[in-house]
Amino acid sequence: MDVGLTHYLIISAILFSLGIYGVVTRRNAIMVLMGIELILNSANINFIAFSRYGGMQLDGQAIAVFVIILAAAEAAIALAIVLNIYQRFNTVNVDDVSKLKE
């Protein structure tokens, strides 16, 4: 069996769907961040698959590395925000932090 572009796209769609499900349904801020990471990883799979099978040379790999760097920076900043929220409100539930509006 030969692995083609369709296989990569199916895996990417599954990861993207799981990421969207995690972002929409979870109340825990850490789980929301994990859902965002899944979405970014599905985009990386698409970039690399289209680079391999679409003839983009190394452009897809370069964009994927940029997305990985962006995800690492996002994770560091988001975790710092979550730690500050936990320190102030003693919870990481997104719904319970409505006091930030005041």
C-alpha atoms as a PDB file:
ATOM      1  CA  MET A   1       0.000   0.000   0.000  1.00  0.00           C
ATOM      2  CA  ASP A   2       1.372   3.355  -1.047  1.00  0.00           C
ATOM      3  CA  VAL A   3       0.916   6.297   1.298  1.00  0.00           C
ATOM      4  CA  GLY A   4      -0.297   9.308  -0.653  1.00  0.00           C
ATOM      5  CA  LEU A   5      -1.434  12.857  -0.139  1.00  0.00           C
ATOM      6  CA  THR A   6      -4.956  11.752   0.729  1.00  0.00           C
ATOM      7  CA  HIS A   7      -3.739   9.820   3.764  1.00  0.00           C
ATOM      8  CA  TYR A   8      -1.943  12.860   5.139  1.00  0.00           C
ATOM      9  CA  LEU A   9      -4.970  15.057   4.538  1.00  0.00           C
ATOM     10  CA  ILE A  10      -7.254  12.600   6.344  1.00  0.00           C
ATOM     11  CA  ILE A  11      -4.931  12.487   9.368  1.00  0.00           C
ATOM     12  CA  SER A  12      -4.712  16.266   9.332  1.00  0.00           C
ATOM     13  CA  ALA A  13      -8.507  16.623   9.174  1.00  0.00           C
ATOM     14  CA  ILE A  14      -8.904  14.243  12.110  1.00  0.00           C
ATOM     15  CA  LEU A  15      -6.359  16.192  14.181  1.00  0.00           C
ATOM     16  CA  PHE A  16      -8.010  19.480  13.239  1.00  0.00           C
ATOM     17  CA  SER A  17     -11.444  18.157  14.219  1.00  0.00           C
ATOM     18  CA  LEU A  18     -10.139  16.913  17.569  1.00  0.00           C
ATOM     19  CA  GLY A  19      -8.497  20.286  18.179  1.00  0.00           C
ATOM     20  CA  ILE A  20     -11.690  22.209  17.409  1.00  0.00           C
ATOM     21  CA  TYR A  21     -13.642  19.821  19.650  1.00  0.00           C
ATOM     22  CA  GLY A  22     -11.136  20.400  22.454  1.00  0.00           C
ATOM     23  CA  VAL A  23     -11.303  24.177  22.135  1.00  0.00           C
ATOM     24  CA  VAL A  24     -15.097  24.371  21.953  1.00  0.00           C
ATOM     25  CA  THR A  25     -16.085  21.846  24.605  1.00  0.00           C
ATOM     26  CA  ARG A  26     -13.458  22.200  27.325  1.00  0.00           C
ATOM     27  CA  ARG A  27     -13.663  24.601  30.209  1.00  0.00           C
ATOM     28  CA  ASN A  28     -10.145  23.982  31.443  1.00  0.00           C
ATOM     29  CA  ALA A  29      -7.684  26.509  30.006  1.00  0.00           C
ATOM     30  CA  ILE A  30      -4.917  23.902  29.701  1.00  0.00           C
ATOM     31  CA  MET A  31      -7.154  21.664  27.594  1.00  0.00           C
ATOM     32  CA  VAL A  32      -8.041  24.619  25.366  1.00  0.00           C
ATOM     33  CA  LEU A  33      -4.330  25.244  24.816  1.00  0.00           C
ATOM     34  CA  MET A  34      -3.825  21.575  23.934  1.00  0.00           C
ATOM     35  CA  GLY A  35      -6.644  21.874  21.388  1.00  0.00           C
ATOM     36  CA  ILE A  36      -4.918  24.864  19.809  1.00  0.00           C
ATOM     37  CA  GLU A  37      -1.692  22.871  19.609  1.00  0.00           C
ATOM     38  CA  LEU A  38      -3.541  20.078  17.798  1.00  0.00           C
ATOM     39  CA  ILE A  39      -4.888  22.595  15.296  1.00  0.00           C
ATOM     40  CA  LEU A  40      -1.393  23.967  14.658  1.00  0.00           C
ATOM     41  CA  ASN A  41       0.027  20.457  14.237  1.00  0.00           C
ATOM     42  CA  SER A  42      -2.655  19.600  11.696  1.00  0.00           C
ATOM     43  CA  ALA A  43      -1.636  22.697   9.743  1.00  0.00           C
ATOM     44  CA  ASN A  44       1.997  21.514   9.883  1.00  0.00           C
ATOM     45  CA  ILE A  45       1.020  18.135   8.466  1.00  0.00           C
ATOM     46  CA  ASN A  46      -0.765  19.903   5.604  1.00  0.00           C
ATOM     47  CA  PHE A  47       2.225  22.143   4.880  1.00  0.00           C
ATOM     48  CA  ILE A  48       4.650  19.231   4.788  1.00  0.00           C
ATOM     49  CA  ALA A  49       2.315  16.978   2.769  1.00  0.00           C
ATOM     50  CA  PHE A  50       1.717  19.630   0.138  1.00  0.00           C
ATOM     51  CA  SER A  51       5.419  20.379   0.085  1.00  0.00           C
ATOM     52  CA  ARG A  52       6.171  16.720  -0.569  1.00  0.00           C
ATOM     53  CA  TYR A  53       3.429  15.977  -3.078  1.00  0.00           C
ATOM     54  CA  GLY A  54       2.741  19.441  -4.501  1.00  0.00           C
ATOM     55  CA  GLY A  55       6.248  20.294  -5.616  1.00  0.00           C
ATOM     56  CA  MET A  56       6.774  23.245  -3.252  1.00  0.00           C
ATOM     57  CA  GLN A  57      10.411  22.243  -2.683  1.00  0.00           C
ATOM     58  CA  LEU A  58      11.353  23.226   0.886  1.00  0.00           C
ATOM     59  CA  ASP A  59       8.760  25.970   1.338  1.00  0.00           C
ATOM     60  CA  GLY A  60       6.382  23.707   3.278  1.00  0.00           C
ATOM     61  CA  GLN A  61       9.097  22.595   5.687  1.00  0.00           C
ATOM     62  CA  ALA A  62      10.189  26.195   6.263  1.00  0.00           C
ATOM     63  CA  ILE A  63       6.636  27.287   7.027  1.00  0.00           C
ATOM     64  CA  ALA A  64       6.186  24.273   9.337  1.00  0.00           C
ATOM     65  CA  VAL A  65       9.300  25.239  11.308  1.00  0.00           C
ATOM     66  CA  PHE A  66       7.950  28.788  11.593  1.00  0.00           C
ATOM     67  CA  VAL A  67       4.627  27.433  12.892  1.00  0.00           C
ATOM     68  CA  ILE A  68       6.461  25.273  15.457  1.00  0.00           C
ATOM     69  CA  ILE A  69       8.368  28.336  16.686  1.00  0.00           C
ATOM     70  CA  LEU A  70       5.115  30.300  16.840  1.00  0.00           C
ATOM     71  CA  ALA A  71       3.431  27.473  18.788  1.00  0.00           C
ATOM     72  CA  ALA A  72       6.284  27.352  21.302  1.00  0.00           C
ATOM     73  CA  ALA A  73       6.058  31.096  21.906  1.00  0.00           C
ATOM     74  CA  GLU A  74       2.266  30.892  22.174  1.00  0.00           C
ATOM     75  CA  ALA A  75       2.502  28.050  24.686  1.00  0.00           C
ATOM     76  CA  ALA A  76       4.984  29.931  26.861  1.00  0.00           C
ATOM     77  CA  ILE A  77       2.913  33.115  26.929  1.00  0.00           C
ATOM     78  CA  ALA A  78      -0.384  31.273  27.400  1.00  0.00           C
ATOM     79  CA  LEU A  79       0.974  29.182  30.267  1.00  0.00           C
ATOM     80  CA  ALA A  80       2.234  32.329  31.970  1.00  0.00           C
ATOM     81  CA  ILE A  81      -1.243  33.842  31.640  1.00  0.00           C
ATOM     82  CA  VAL A  82      -2.850  30.653  32.990  1.00  0.00           C
ATOM     83  CA  LEU A  83      -0.483  30.631  35.971  1.00  0.00           C
ATOM     84  CA  ASN A  84      -1.359  34.254  36.755  1.00  0.00           C
ATOM     85  CA  ILE A  85      -5.075  33.475  36.486  1.00  0.00           C
ATOM     86  CA  TYR A  86      -4.651  30.488  38.797  1.00  0.00           C
ATOM     87  CA  GLN A  87      -2.694  32.565  41.276  1.00  0.00           C
ATOM     88  CA  ARG A  88      -5.418  35.207  41.380  1.00  0.00           C
ATOM     89  CA  PHE A  89      -8.622  33.131  41.145  1.00  0.00           C
ATOM     90  CA  ASN A  90      -7.432  29.640  42.270  1.00  0.00           C
ATOM     91  CA  THR A  91      -9.012  28.031  39.199  1.00  0.00           C
ATOM     92  CA  VAL A  92      -8.166  27.425  35.557  1.00  0.00           C
ATOM     93  CA  ASN A  93     -11.758  27.061  34.383  1.00  0.00           C
ATOM     94  CA  VAL A  94     -12.427  29.529  31.630  1.00  0.00           C
ATOM     95  CA  ASP A  95     -16.041  30.063  32.720  1.00  0.00           C
ATOM     96  CA  ASP A  96     -15.102  30.932  36.305  1.00  0.00           C
ATOM     97  CA  VAL A  97     -12.780  33.748  35.277  1.00  0.00           C
ATOM     98  CA  SER A  98     -15.543  36.128  34.229  1.00  0.00           C
ATOM     99  CA  LYS A  99     -14.368  38.545  36.951  1.00  0.00           C
ATOM    100  CA  LEU A 100     -11.667  39.794  34.584  1.00  0.00           C
ATOM    101  CA  LYS A 101     -14.309  41.931  32.866  1.00  0.00           C
ATOM    102  CA  GLU A 102     -14.733  44.073  35.968  1.00  0.00           C
END
